[in-house]
PDB file of N, CA and C in Angstrom:
ATOM      1  N   UNK A   1      20.465  25.103  17.336  1.00  0.00           N
ATOM      2  CA  UNK A   1      21.591  25.966  16.887  1.00  0.00           C
ATOM      3  C   UNK A   1      21.795  25.641  15.488  1.00  0.00           C
ATOM      4  N   UNK A   2      22.101  27.149  15.208  1.00  0.00           N
ATOM      5  CA  UNK A   2      22.501  27.453  13.676  1.00  0.00           C
ATOM      6  C   UNK A   2      23.763  27.005  13.567  1.00  0.00           C
ATOM      7  N   UNK A   3      24.371  26.279  12.603  1.00  0.00           N
ATOM      8  CA  UNK A   3      25.552  26.377  12.045  1.00  0.00           C
ATOM      9  C   UNK A   3      26.183  27.449  11.569  1.00  0.00           C
ATOM     10  N   UNK A   4      27.469  28.020  12.127  1.00  0.00           N
ATOM     11  CA  UNK A   4      27.828  28.946  11.632  1.00  0.00           C
ATOM     12  C   UNK A   4      28.031  29.114  10.110  1.00  0.00           C
ATOM     13  N   UNK A   5      28.704  27.923   9.563  1.00  0.00           N
ATOM     14  CA  UNK A   5      28.666  27.799   8.046  1.00  0.00           C
ATOM     15  C   UNK A   5      27.143  28.112   7.348  1.00  0.00           C
ATOM     16  N   UNK A   6      25.997  28.211   7.864  1.00  0.00           N
ATOM     17  CA  UNK A   6      24.695  28.759   7.163  1.00  0.00           C
ATOM     18  C   UNK A   6      24.539  30.112   7.285  1.00  0.00           C
ATOM     19  N   UNK A   7      24.985  30.857   8.226  1.00  0.00           N
ATOM     20  CA  UNK A   7      24.408  32.334   8.602  1.00  0.00           C
ATOM     21  C   UNK A   7      24.582  33.136   7.386  1.00  0.00           C
ATOM     22  N   UNK A   8      25.240  32.979   6.266  1.00  0.00           N
ATOM     23  CA  UNK A   8      25.315  34.039   5.337  1.00  0.00           C
ATOM     24  C   UNK A   8      24.056  33.230   4.528  1.00  0.00           C
ATOM     25  N   UNK A   9      23.715  32.230   4.364  1.00  0.00           N
ATOM     26  CA  UNK A   9      22.437  31.609   3.422  1.00  0.00           C
ATOM     27  C   UNK A   9      21.197  31.876   3.876  1.00  0.00           C
ATOM     28  N   UNK A  10      21.413  32.177   5.527  1.00  0.00           N
ATOM     29  CA  UNK A  10      20.014  32.517   5.908  1.00  0.00           C
ATOM     30  C   UNK A  10      19.679  34.073   5.836  1.00  0.00           C
ATOM     31  N   UNK A  11      20.855  34.590   5.910  1.00  0.00           N
ATOM     32  CA  UNK A  11      20.761  36.237   5.860  1.00  0.00           C
ATOM     33  C   UNK A  11      20.377  36.611   4.391  1.00  0.00           C
ATOM     34  N   UNK A  12      20.716  35.733   3.027  1.00  0.00           N
ATOM     35  CA  UNK A  12      20.644  35.599   2.075  1.00  0.00           C
ATOM     36  C   UNK A  12      19.452  35.586   1.719  1.00  0.00           C
ATOM     37  N   UNK A  13      18.635  34.623   2.164  1.00  0.00           N
ATOM     38  CA  UNK A  13      17.296  34.296   2.175  1.00  0.00           C
ATOM     39  C   UNK A  13      16.346  35.366   2.770  1.00  0.00           C
ATOM     40  N   UNK A  14      16.547  35.934   3.794  1.00  0.00           N
ATOM     41  CA  UNK A  14      15.749  36.736   4.268  1.00  0.00           C
ATOM     42  C   UNK A  14      15.887  38.224   3.911  1.00  0.00           C
ATOM     43  N   UNK A  15      17.290  38.868   3.187  1.00  0.00           N
ATOM     44  CA  UNK A  15      17.282  39.973   2.502  1.00  0.00           C
ATOM     45  C   UNK A  15      18.059  39.639   1.056  1.00  0.00           C
ATOM     46  N   UNK A  16      16.956  39.920   0.360  1.00  0.00           N
ATOM     47  CA  UNK A  16      17.598  39.388  -1.127  1.00  0.00           C
ATOM     48  C   UNK A  16      18.199  40.736  -1.599  1.00  0.00           C
ATOM     49  N   UNK A  17      18.616  41.697  -0.811  1.00  0.00           N
ATOM     50  CA  UNK A  17      19.627  42.828  -1.399  1.00  0.00           C
ATOM     51  C   UNK A  17      20.841  42.292  -0.770  1.00  0.00           C
ATOM     52  N   UNK A  18      21.100  40.941  -0.052  1.00  0.00           N
ATOM     53  CA  UNK A  18      22.499  40.809   0.395  1.00  0.00           C
ATOM     54  C   UNK A  18      22.889  39.355  -0.062  1.00  0.00           C
ATOM     55  N   UNK A  19      21.755  39.042  -1.070  1.00  0.00           N
ATOM     56  CA  UNK A  19      22.287  37.594  -1.857  1.00  0.00           C
ATOM     57  C   UNK A  19      23.290  37.521  -2.737  1.00  0.00           C
ATOM     58  N   UNK A  20      23.812  38.389  -3.270  1.00  0.00           N
ATOM     59  CA  UNK A  20      25.194  38.226  -3.897  1.00  0.00           C
ATOM     60  C   UNK A  20      26.322  38.579  -3.179  1.00  0.00           C
ATOM     61  N   UNK A  21      26.289  39.147  -2.256  1.00  0.00           N
ATOM     62  CA  UNK A  21      27.511  39.346  -1.384  1.00  0.00           C
ATOM     63  C   UNK A  21      27.300  38.097  -0.503  1.00  0.00           C
ATOM     64  N   UNK A  22      26.472  37.546   0.342  1.00  0.00           N
ATOM     65  CA  UNK A  22      26.056  36.841   1.028  1.00  0.00           C
ATOM     66  C   UNK A  22      26.910  35.288   0.409  1.00  0.00           C
ATOM     67  N   UNK A  23      26.342  35.017  -0.813  1.00  0.00           N
ATOM     68  CA  UNK A  23      27.006  33.882  -1.865  1.00  0.00           C
ATOM     69  C   UNK A  23      28.438  33.789  -1.726  1.00  0.00           C
ATOM     70  N   UNK A  24      28.993  35.256  -1.636  1.00  0.00           N
ATOM     71  CA  UNK A  24      30.639  34.737  -1.737  1.00  0.00           C
ATOM     72  C   UNK A  24      30.911  33.930  -0.279  1.00  0.00           C
ATOM     73  N   UNK A  25      30.078  34.185   0.778  1.00  0.00           N
ATOM     74  CA  UNK A  25      30.699  33.619   1.898  1.00  0.00           C
ATOM     75  C   UNK A  25      29.884  32.171   2.194  1.00  0.00           C
ATOM     76  N   UNK A  26      29.376  31.803   1.328  1.00  0.00           N
ATOM     77  CA  UNK A  26      28.781  30.711   1.377  1.00  0.00           C
ATOM     78  C   UNK A  26      29.098  29.242   1.761  1.00  0.00           C
ATOM     79  N   UNK A  27      30.009  28.974   1.473  1.00  0.00           N
ATOM     80  CA  UNK A  27      31.223  28.109   1.845  1.00  0.00           C
ATOM     81  C   UNK A  27      31.795  28.147   3.282  1.00  0.00           C
ATOM     82  N   UNK A  28      32.457  28.951   3.500  1.00  0.00           N
ATOM     83  CA  UNK A  28      33.537  29.132   4.556  1.00  0.00           C
ATOM     84  C   UNK A  28      33.467  30.529   4.759  1.00  0.00           C
ATOM     85  N   UNK A  29      32.900  31.192   4.859  1.00  0.00           N
ATOM     86  CA  UNK A  29      33.125  32.729   5.060  1.00  0.00           C
ATOM     87  C   UNK A  29      32.874  32.862   6.746  1.00  0.00           C
ATOM     88  N   UNK A  30      33.942  33.514   7.491  1.00  0.00           N
ATOM     89  CA  UNK A  30      34.179  33.875   8.447  1.00  0.00           C
ATOM     90  C   UNK A  30      32.710  34.776   9.151  1.00  0.00           C
ATOM     91  N   UNK A  31      32.701  34.013  10.711  1.00  0.00           N
ATOM     92  CA  UNK A  31      31.187  34.584  10.941  1.00  0.00           C
ATOM     93  C   UNK A  31      31.645  36.072  11.243  1.00  0.00           C
ATOM     94  N   UNK A  32      32.348  36.619  11.647  1.00  0.00           N
ATOM     95  CA  UNK A  32      32.699  38.068  11.954  1.00  0.00           C
ATOM     96  C   UNK A  32      32.523  38.745  10.705  1.00  0.00           C
ATOM     97  N   UNK A  33      32.800  38.337   9.462  1.00  0.00           N
ATOM     98  CA  UNK A  33      33.050  38.877   8.162  1.00  0.00           C
ATOM     99  C   UNK A  33      31.341  39.224   7.874  1.00  0.00           C
ATOM    100  N   UNK A  34      30.822  37.779   7.914  1.00  0.00           N
ATOM    101  CA  UNK A  34      29.462  38.121   7.468  1.00  0.00           C
ATOM    102  C   UNK A  34      28.397  39.080   8.080  1.00  0.00           C
ATOM    103  N   UNK A  35      28.949  39.059   9.694  1.00  0.00           N
ATOM    104  CA  UNK A  35      28.109  40.048  10.217  1.00  0.00           C
ATOM    105  C   UNK A  35      28.386  41.319   9.984  1.00  0.00           C
ATOM    106  N   UNK A  36      29.880  41.646   9.585  1.00  0.00           N
ATOM    107  CA  UNK A  36      30.386  43.024   9.296  1.00  0.00           C
ATOM    108  C   UNK A  36      29.623  43.535   8.616  1.00  0.00           C
ATOM    109  N   UNK A  37      29.505  42.617   7.002  1.00  0.00           N
ATOM    110  CA  UNK A  37      28.555  42.541   5.788  1.00  0.00           C
ATOM    111  C   UNK A  37      27.094  43.275   6.361  1.00  0.00           C
ATOM    112  N   UNK A  38      26.659  42.101   6.880  1.00  0.00           N
ATOM    113  CA  UNK A  38      25.296  42.612   7.735  1.00  0.00           C
ATOM    114  C   UNK A  38      25.244  44.068   8.305  1.00  0.00           C
ATOM    115  N   UNK A  39      25.891  44.430   9.222  1.00  0.00           N
ATOM    116  CA  UNK A  39      26.127  45.595   9.662  1.00  0.00           C
ATOM    117  C   UNK A  39      26.098  46.677   8.854  1.00  0.00           C
ATOM    118  N   UNK A  40      26.758  46.911   7.501  1.00  0.00           N
ATOM    119  CA  UNK A  40      26.782  47.703   7.060  1.00  0.00           C
ATOM    120  C   UNK A  40      25.709  47.802   6.072  1.00  0.00           C
ATOM    121  N   UNK A  41      25.101  46.873   5.804  1.00  0.00           N
ATOM    122  CA  UNK A  41      23.646  46.675   5.098  1.00  0.00           C
ATOM    123  C   UNK A  41      22.597  47.297   5.675  1.00  0.00           C
ATOM    124  N   UNK A  42      22.330  46.953   7.460  1.00  0.00           N
ATOM    125  CA  UNK A  42      21.816  47.599   8.496  1.00  0.00           C
ATOM    126  C   UNK A  42      21.834  49.273   8.472  1.00  0.00           C
ATOM    127  N   UNK A  43      23.209  49.569   8.445  1.00  0.00           N
ATOM    128  CA  UNK A  43      23.599  50.722   8.762  1.00  0.00           C
ATOM    129  C   UNK A  43      23.100  51.932   7.345  1.00  0.00           C
ATOM    130  N   UNK A  44      22.956  50.921   6.329  1.00  0.00           N
ATOM    131  CA  UNK A  44      22.742  51.974   4.944  1.00  0.00           C
ATOM    132  C   UNK A  44      21.197  51.949   4.946  1.00  0.00           C
ATOM    133  N   UNK A  45      20.474  51.276   5.352  1.00  0.00           N
ATOM    134  CA  UNK A  45      18.997  51.155   5.507  1.00  0.00           C
ATOM    135  C   UNK A  45      18.908  52.152   6.596  1.00  0.00           C
ATOM    136  N   UNK A  46      19.131  52.311   7.934  1.00  0.00           N
ATOM    137  CA  UNK A  46      18.990  53.406   8.563  1.00  0.00           C
ATOM    138  C   UNK A  46      19.333  54.661   8.004  1.00  0.00           C
ATOM    139  N   UNK A  47      20.341  54.921   7.485  1.00  0.00           N
ATOM    140  CA  UNK A  47      20.864  56.357   7.064  1.00  0.00           C
ATOM    141  C   UNK A  47      19.740  56.567   5.721  1.00  0.00           C
ATOM    142  N   UNK A  48      19.561  55.548   5.106  1.00  0.00           N
ATOM    143  CA  UNK A  48      18.625  55.931   3.908  1.00  0.00           C
ATOM    144  C   UNK A  48      16.902  55.873   4.271  1.00  0.00           C
ATOM    145  N   UNK A  49      16.808  55.677   5.610  1.00  0.00           N
ATOM    146  CA  UNK A  49      15.447  56.217   5.914  1.00  0.00           C
ATOM    147  C   UNK A  49      14.541  54.956   5.592  1.00  0.00           C
ATOM    148  N   UNK A  50      15.086  53.705   5.696  1.00  0.00           N
ATOM    149  CA  UNK A  50      14.180  52.597   4.914  1.00  0.00           C
ATOM    150  C   UNK A  50      14.172  51.720   6.681  1.00  0.00           C
ATOM    151  N   UNK A  51      13.392  52.040   7.302  1.00  0.00           N
ATOM    152  CA  UNK A  51      13.122  52.085   8.880  1.00  0.00           C
ATOM    153  C   UNK A  51      12.434  50.227   8.909  1.00  0.00           C
ATOM    154  N   UNK A  52      11.556  50.388   8.015  1.00  0.00           N
ATOM    155  CA  UNK A  52      10.983  48.908   7.710  1.00  0.00           C
ATOM    156  C   UNK A  52      12.045  47.804   7.511  1.00  0.00           C
ATOM    157  N   UNK A  53      12.762  48.136   6.467  1.00  0.00           N
ATOM    158  CA  UNK A  53      13.803  47.181   6.139  1.00  0.00           C
ATOM    159  C   UNK A  53      15.051  46.951   7.464  1.00  0.00           C
ATOM    160  N   UNK A  54      15.209  48.206   8.038  1.00  0.00           N
ATOM    161  CA  UNK A  54      16.093  48.227   9.345  1.00  0.00           C
ATOM    162  C   UNK A  54      15.701  47.430  10.239  1.00  0.00           C
ATOM    163  N   UNK A  55      14.491  47.392  10.562  1.00  0.00           N
ATOM    164  CA  UNK A  55      13.794  46.565  11.432  1.00  0.00           C
ATOM    165  C   UNK A  55      13.719  45.089  11.342  1.00  0.00           C
ATOM    166  N   UNK A  56      13.715  44.756   9.915  1.00  0.00           N
ATOM    167  CA  UNK A  56      13.855  43.479   9.477  1.00  0.00           C
ATOM    168  C   UNK A  56      14.985  43.083   9.956  1.00  0.00           C
ATOM    169  N   UNK A  57      15.942  43.682   9.733  1.00  0.00           N
ATOM    170  CA  UNK A  57      17.462  43.253  10.000  1.00  0.00           C
ATOM    171  C   UNK A  57      17.652  43.159  11.473  1.00  0.00           C
ATOM    172  N   UNK A  58      17.077  43.884  12.138  1.00  0.00           N
ATOM    173  CA  UNK A  58      17.114  43.801  13.648  1.00  0.00           C
ATOM    174  C   UNK A  58      16.541  42.532  14.155  1.00  0.00           C
ATOM    175  N   UNK A  59      15.287  42.069  13.622  1.00  0.00           N
ATOM    176  CA  UNK A  59      14.657  41.224  13.849  1.00  0.00           C
ATOM    177  C   UNK A  59      15.436  39.519  13.668  1.00  0.00           C
ATOM    178  N   UNK A  60      16.267  40.027  11.985  1.00  0.00           N
ATOM    179  CA  UNK A  60      16.862  38.865  11.808  1.00  0.00           C
ATOM    180  C   UNK A  60      18.169  38.653  13.053  1.00  0.00           C
ATOM    181  N   UNK A  61      18.771  39.778  13.538  1.00  0.00           N
ATOM    182  CA  UNK A  61      19.690  39.701  13.964  1.00  0.00           C
ATOM    183  C   UNK A  61      19.621  39.094  15.573  1.00  0.00           C
ATOM    184  N   UNK A  62      18.314  39.450  16.225  1.00  0.00           N
ATOM    185  CA  UNK A  62      17.866  38.814  16.955  1.00  0.00           C
ATOM    186  C   UNK A  62      17.771  37.562  17.063  1.00  0.00           C
ATOM    187  N   UNK A  63      17.146  36.931  15.907  1.00  0.00           N
ATOM    188  CA  UNK A  63      16.731  35.120  15.422  1.00  0.00           C
ATOM    189  C   UNK A  63      18.158  34.805  15.809  1.00  0.00           C
ATOM    190  N   UNK A  64      19.076  35.406  14.981  1.00  0.00           N
ATOM    191  CA  UNK A  64      20.537  34.672  14.806  1.00  0.00           C
ATOM    192  C   UNK A  64      21.177  34.572  16.497  1.00  0.00           C
ATOM    193  N   UNK A  65      21.043  35.657  16.971  1.00  0.00           N
ATOM    194  CA  UNK A  65      21.589  35.847  18.503  1.00  0.00           C
ATOM    195  C   UNK A  65      20.722  34.931  19.149  1.00  0.00           C
ATOM    196  N   UNK A  66      19.843  34.620  19.339  1.00  0.00           N
ATOM    197  CA  UNK A  66      18.955  33.483  20.395  1.00  0.00           C
ATOM    198  C   UNK A  66      19.176  32.009  19.547  1.00  0.00           C
ATOM    199  N   UNK A  67      19.302  31.855  18.229  1.00  0.00           N
ATOM    200  CA  UNK A  67      19.541  30.388  18.096  1.00  0.00           C
ATOM    201  C   UNK A  67      21.279  30.173  17.100  1.00  0.00           C
ATOM    202  N   UNK A  68      21.913  31.476  17.671  1.00  0.00           N
ATOM    203  CA  UNK A  68      23.658  30.968  17.345  1.00  0.00           C
ATOM    204  C   UNK A  68      24.214  30.474  18.169  1.00  0.00           C
ATOM    205  N   UNK A  69      25.435  30.059  17.696  1.00  0.00           N
ATOM    206  CA  UNK A  69      26.630  29.420  18.395  1.00  0.00           C
ATOM    207  C   UNK A  69      27.189  30.847  19.324  1.00  0.00           C
ATOM    208  N   UNK A  70      28.152  30.660  20.237  1.00  0.00           N
ATOM    209  CA  UNK A  70      28.423  31.510  20.978  1.00  0.00           C
ATOM    210  C   UNK A  70      29.381  32.337  20.229  1.00  0.00           C
ATOM    211  N   UNK A  71      30.167  32.010  18.999  1.00  0.00           N
ATOM    212  CA  UNK A  71      30.961  32.928  18.066  1.00  0.00           C
ATOM    213  C   UNK A  71      30.207  33.730  17.825  1.00  0.00           C
ATOM    214  N   UNK A  72      28.883  33.091  16.923  1.00  0.00           N
ATOM    215  CA  UNK A  72      27.467  34.340  16.592  1.00  0.00           C
ATOM    216  C   UNK A  72      27.282  35.272  17.283  1.00  0.00           C
ATOM    217  N   UNK A  73      27.003  34.609  18.313  1.00  0.00           N
ATOM    218  CA  UNK A  73      26.411  35.827  19.635  1.00  0.00           C
ATOM    219  C   UNK A  73      27.270  36.779  19.813  1.00  0.00           C
ATOM    220  N   UNK A  74      28.684  36.357  20.066  1.00  0.00           N
ATOM    221  CA  UNK A  74      29.522  37.419  20.109  1.00  0.00           C
ATOM    222  C   UNK A  74      29.702  38.521  19.153  1.00  0.00           C
ATOM    223  N   UNK A  75      29.901  37.801  17.761  1.00  0.00           N
ATOM    224  CA  UNK A  75      29.655  38.398  16.535  1.00  0.00           C
ATOM    225  C   UNK A  75      28.524  39.508  16.730  1.00  0.00           C
ATOM    226  N   UNK A  76      27.344  38.954  17.024  1.00  0.00           N
ATOM    227  CA  UNK A  76      26.287  39.968  17.128  1.00  0.00           C
ATOM    228  C   UNK A  76      26.363  41.180  17.847  1.00  0.00           C
ATOM    229  N   UNK A  77      27.009  40.871  19.070  1.00  0.00           N
ATOM    230  CA  UNK A  77      27.146  41.764  20.183  1.00  0.00           C
ATOM    231  C   UNK A  77      28.617  42.812  19.992  1.00  0.00           C
ATOM    232  N   UNK A  78      29.547  42.160  19.735  1.00  0.00           N
ATOM    233  CA  UNK A  78      30.672  42.885  19.234  1.00  0.00           C
ATOM    234  C   UNK A  78      30.746  43.638  17.940  1.00  0.00           C
ATOM    235  N   UNK A  79      30.199  43.269  17.010  1.00  0.00           N
ATOM    236  CA  UNK A  79      30.344  43.766  15.806  1.00  0.00           C
ATOM    237  C   UNK A  79      28.996  44.571  15.153  1.00  0.00           C
ATOM    238  N   UNK A  80      27.979  43.790  15.616  1.00  0.00           N
ATOM    239  CA  UNK A  80      26.807  44.361  15.040  1.00  0.00           C
ATOM    240  C   UNK A  80      26.255  45.466  15.888  1.00  0.00           C
ATOM    241  N   UNK A  81      25.760  45.098  16.726  1.00  0.00           N
ATOM    242  CA  UNK A  81      25.376  46.248  18.099  1.00  0.00           C
ATOM    243  C   UNK A  81      26.437  47.512  18.306  1.00  0.00           C
ATOM    244  N   UNK A  82      27.540  46.914  18.196  1.00  0.00           N
ATOM    245  CA  UNK A  82      28.584  47.705  18.455  1.00  0.00           C
ATOM    246  C   UNK A  82      28.748  48.693  17.392  1.00  0.00           C
ATOM    247  N   UNK A  83      29.061  47.999  16.221  1.00  0.00           N
ATOM    248  CA  UNK A  83      28.950  49.105  15.187  1.00  0.00           C
ATOM    249  C   UNK A  83      27.572  49.926  14.631  1.00  0.00           C
ATOM    250  N   UNK A  84      26.371  49.526  14.952  1.00  0.00           N
ATOM    251  CA  UNK A  84      25.072  50.223  15.059  1.00  0.00           C
ATOM    252  C   UNK A  84      24.997  51.547  16.440  1.00  0.00           C
ATOM    253  N   UNK A  85      25.668  51.424  17.424  1.00  0.00           N
ATOM    254  CA  UNK A  85      25.559  52.083  18.364  1.00  0.00           C
ATOM    255  C   UNK A  85      25.235  53.388  18.305  1.00  0.00           C
ATOM    256  N   UNK A  86      26.198  53.847  17.380  1.00  0.00           N
ATOM    257  CA  UNK A  86      26.082  55.798  17.516  1.00  0.00           C
ATOM    258  C   UNK A  86      24.604  56.252  16.707  1.00  0.00           C
ATOM    259  N   UNK A  87      24.005  55.224  15.864  1.00  0.00           N
ATOM    260  CA  UNK A  87      22.831  55.463  15.106  1.00  0.00           C
ATOM    261  C   UNK A  87      21.766  55.281  16.001  1.00  0.00           C
ATOM    262  N   UNK A  88      21.986  54.168  17.110  1.00  0.00           N
ATOM    263  CA  UNK A  88      20.678  53.987  17.655  1.00  0.00           C
ATOM    264  C   UNK A  88      20.307  54.982  18.644  1.00  0.00           C
ATOM    265  N   UNK A  89      20.927  55.832  18.519  1.00  0.00           N
ATOM    266  CA  UNK A  89      20.329  56.908  19.624  1.00  0.00           C
ATOM    267  C   UNK A  89      19.957  57.851  19.048  1.00  0.00           C
ATOM    268  N   UNK A  90      19.995  57.807  17.920  1.00  0.00           N
ATOM    269  CA  UNK A  90      19.498  59.177  17.008  1.00  0.00           C
ATOM    270  C   UNK A  90      17.646  58.531  16.803  1.00  0.00           C
ATOM    271  N   UNK A  91      17.364  59.736  15.993  1.00  0.00           N
ATOM    272  CA  UNK A  91      15.544  59.451  15.895  1.00  0.00           C
ATOM    273  C   UNK A  91      15.031  59.666  14.484  1.00  0.00           C
ATOM    274  N   UNK A  92      14.393  58.727  14.249  1.00  0.00           N
ATOM    275  CA  UNK A  92      13.812  59.352  12.728  1.00  0.00           C
ATOM    276  C   UNK A  92      12.145  58.927  12.955  1.00  0.00           C
ATOM    277  N   UNK A  93      11.613  59.907  12.260  1.00  0.00           N
ATOM    278  CA  UNK A  93      10.299  60.085  12.556  1.00  0.00           C
ATOM    279  C   UNK A  93       9.842  60.292  13.985  1.00  0.00           C
ATOM    280  N   UNK A  94      10.375  60.734  14.546  1.00  0.00           N
ATOM    281  CA  UNK A  94      10.146  61.016  16.004  1.00  0.00           C
ATOM    282  C   UNK A  94      10.262  60.105  16.900  1.00  0.00           C
ATOM    283  N   UNK A  95      11.030  58.932  16.309  1.00  0.00           N
ATOM    284  CA  UNK A  95      10.893  57.628  17.133  1.00  0.00           C
ATOM    285  C   UNK A  95      12.653  57.210  17.123  1.00  0.00           C
ATOM    286  N   UNK A  96      12.768  57.273  18.309  1.00  0.00           N
ATOM    287  CA  UNK A  96      14.496  56.634  18.815  1.00  0.00           C
ATOM    288  C   UNK A  96      14.423  55.274  17.907  1.00  0.00           C
ATOM    289  N   UNK A  97      15.586  55.039  16.928  1.00  0.00           N
ATOM    290  CA  UNK A  97      16.075  54.148  16.722  1.00  0.00           C
ATOM    291  C   UNK A  97      16.018  52.549  17.234  1.00  0.00           C
ATOM    292  N   UNK A  98      16.541  52.758  18.744  1.00  0.00           N
ATOM    293  CA  UNK A  98      16.634  51.492  19.434  1.00  0.00           C
ATOM    294  C   UNK A  98      15.712  51.200  19.809  1.00  0.00           C
ATOM    295  N   UNK A  99      14.229  51.872  20.032  1.00  0.00           N
ATOM    296  CA  UNK A  99      13.031  51.205  20.093  1.00  0.00           C
ATOM    297  C   UNK A  99      12.862  50.349  19.105  1.00  0.00           C
ATOM    298  N   UNK A 100      13.164  50.267  17.806  1.00  0.00           N
ATOM    299  CA  UNK A 100      13.021  49.249  16.910  1.00  0.00           C
ATOM    300  C   UNK A 100      13.765  47.755  17.299  1.00  0.00           C
ATOM    301  N   UNK A 101      14.713  48.120  17.982  1.00  0.00           N
ATOM    302  CA  UNK A 101      15.479  46.621  18.211  1.00  0.00           C
ATOM    303  C   UNK A 101      14.495  45.800  19.157  1.00  0.00           C
ATOM    304  N   UNK A 102      14.341  44.408  18.719  1.00  0.00           N
ATOM    305  CA  UNK A 102      13.673  43.399  19.612  1.00  0.00           C
ATOM    306  C   UNK A 102      14.434  43.283  21.107  1.00  0.00           C
ATOM    307  N   UNK A 103      13.593  43.154  21.974  1.00  0.00           N
ATOM    308  CA  UNK A 103      13.793  43.106  23.338  1.00  0.00           C
ATOM    309  C   UNK A 103      15.203  42.306  23.638  1.00  0.00           C
ATOM    310  N   UNK A 104      15.289  41.326  22.911  1.00  0.00           N
ATOM    311  CA  UNK A 104      16.921  40.523  23.348  1.00  0.00           C
ATOM    312  C   UNK A 104      18.089  41.350  23.128  1.00  0.00           C
ATOM    313  N   UNK A 105      17.858  42.289  21.689  1.00  0.00           N
ATOM    314  CA  UNK A 105      19.208  43.080  21.458  1.00  0.00           C
ATOM    315  C   UNK A 105      18.992  44.366  22.642  1.00  0.00           C
ATOM    316  N   UNK A 106      18.217  44.520  23.289  1.00  0.00           N
ATOM    317  CA  UNK A 106      17.630  45.857  23.842  1.00  0.00           C
ATOM    318  C   UNK A 106      18.507  45.616  24.824  1.00  0.00           C
ATOM    319  N   UNK A 107      18.450  44.423  25.718  1.00  0.00           N
ATOM    320  CA  UNK A 107      18.829  44.258  26.863  1.00  0.00           C
ATOM    321  C   UNK A 107      20.375  43.852  26.768  1.00  0.00           C
ATOM    322  N   UNK A 108      20.968  43.441  25.341  1.00  0.00           N
ATOM    323  CA  UNK A 108      22.374  43.509  25.237  1.00  0.00           C
ATOM    324  C   UNK A 108      22.797  44.564  25.228  1.00  0.00           C
ATOM    325  N   UNK A 109      22.228  45.705  24.384  1.00  0.00           N
ATOM    326  CA  UNK A 109      22.706  46.963  24.575  1.00  0.00           C
ATOM    327  C   UNK A 109      22.836  47.470  25.901  1.00  0.00           C
ATOM    328  N   UNK A 110      21.626  47.793  26.644  1.00  0.00           N
ATOM    329  CA  UNK A 110      21.811  48.313  27.859  1.00  0.00           C
ATOM    330  C   UNK A 110      23.012  47.590  28.814  1.00  0.00           C
ATOM    331  N   UNK A 111      23.245  46.403  28.713  1.00  0.00           N
ATOM    332  CA  UNK A 111      24.343  45.607  29.397  1.00  0.00           C
ATOM    333  C   UNK A 111      25.813  46.521  28.630  1.00  0.00           C
ATOM    334  N   UNK A 112      25.776  46.915  27.822  1.00  0.00           N
ATOM    335  CA  UNK A 112      26.861  47.251  27.043  1.00  0.00           C
ATOM    336  C   UNK A 112      27.126  49.067  27.428  1.00  0.00           C
ATOM    337  N   UNK A 113      25.977  49.497  27.428  1.00  0.00           N
ATOM    338  CA  UNK A 113      25.980  50.955  28.046  1.00  0.00           C
ATOM    339  C   UNK A 113      26.510  50.758  29.409  1.00  0.00           C
ATOM    340  N   UNK A 114      26.215  49.824  30.161  1.00  0.00           N
ATOM    341  CA  UNK A 114      26.205  49.749  31.743  1.00  0.00           C
ATOM    342  C   UNK A 114      27.860  49.324  31.582  1.00  0.00           C
ATOM    343  N   UNK A 115      28.341  48.371  31.155  1.00  0.00           N
ATOM    344  CA  UNK A 115      29.946  48.043  31.095  1.00  0.00           C
ATOM    345  C   UNK A 115      30.862  48.949  30.210  1.00  0.00           C
ATOM    346  N   UNK A 116      30.141  50.187  29.469  1.00  0.00           N
ATOM    347  CA  UNK A 116      30.867  51.022  28.944  1.00  0.00           C
ATOM    348  C   UNK A 116      31.789  50.445  27.749  1.00  0.00           C
ATOM    349  N   UNK A 117      30.930  49.725  27.128  1.00  0.00           N
ATOM    350  CA  UNK A 117      31.522  49.149  25.597  1.00  0.00           C
ATOM    351  C   UNK A 117      31.043  49.589  24.771  1.00  0.00           C
ATOM    352  N   UNK A 118      30.166  50.607  24.563  1.00  0.00           N
ATOM    353  CA  UNK A 118      29.393  50.909  23.410  1.00  0.00           C
ATOM    354  C   UNK A 118      30.343  52.462  23.083  1.00  0.00           C
ATOM    355  N   UNK A 119      29.900  52.821  21.798  1.00  0.00           N
ATOM    356  CA  UNK A 119      30.343  54.345  21.207  1.00  0.00           C
ATOM    357  C   UNK A 119      30.063  55.634  21.994  1.00  0.00           C
TER     358      UNK A 119
END
């Protein structure tokens, strides 16, 4: 399991554009704040049409979810997926963005929709 204190470091290594912001959270950044910053970055990539970078973010989120603590998993569900939900039903290049999600995140999103917890 990934330690919660290392989440910001892991994200900053994978996404250089977030290295400075994540560096600020390096010692004791609350998991929810780290994921909120990660969500904002992903949202900017989607809105800017940078789908390869958005796909990379989705993949990182899935890895964090699969290997993270229950706190991190909850943050991915309630902050990351919930925060991106309005954008995931839009299409870019004739492809719905939700199709870019890894299977793990697609399954969580389907559960959220079935339980009425998305936007």
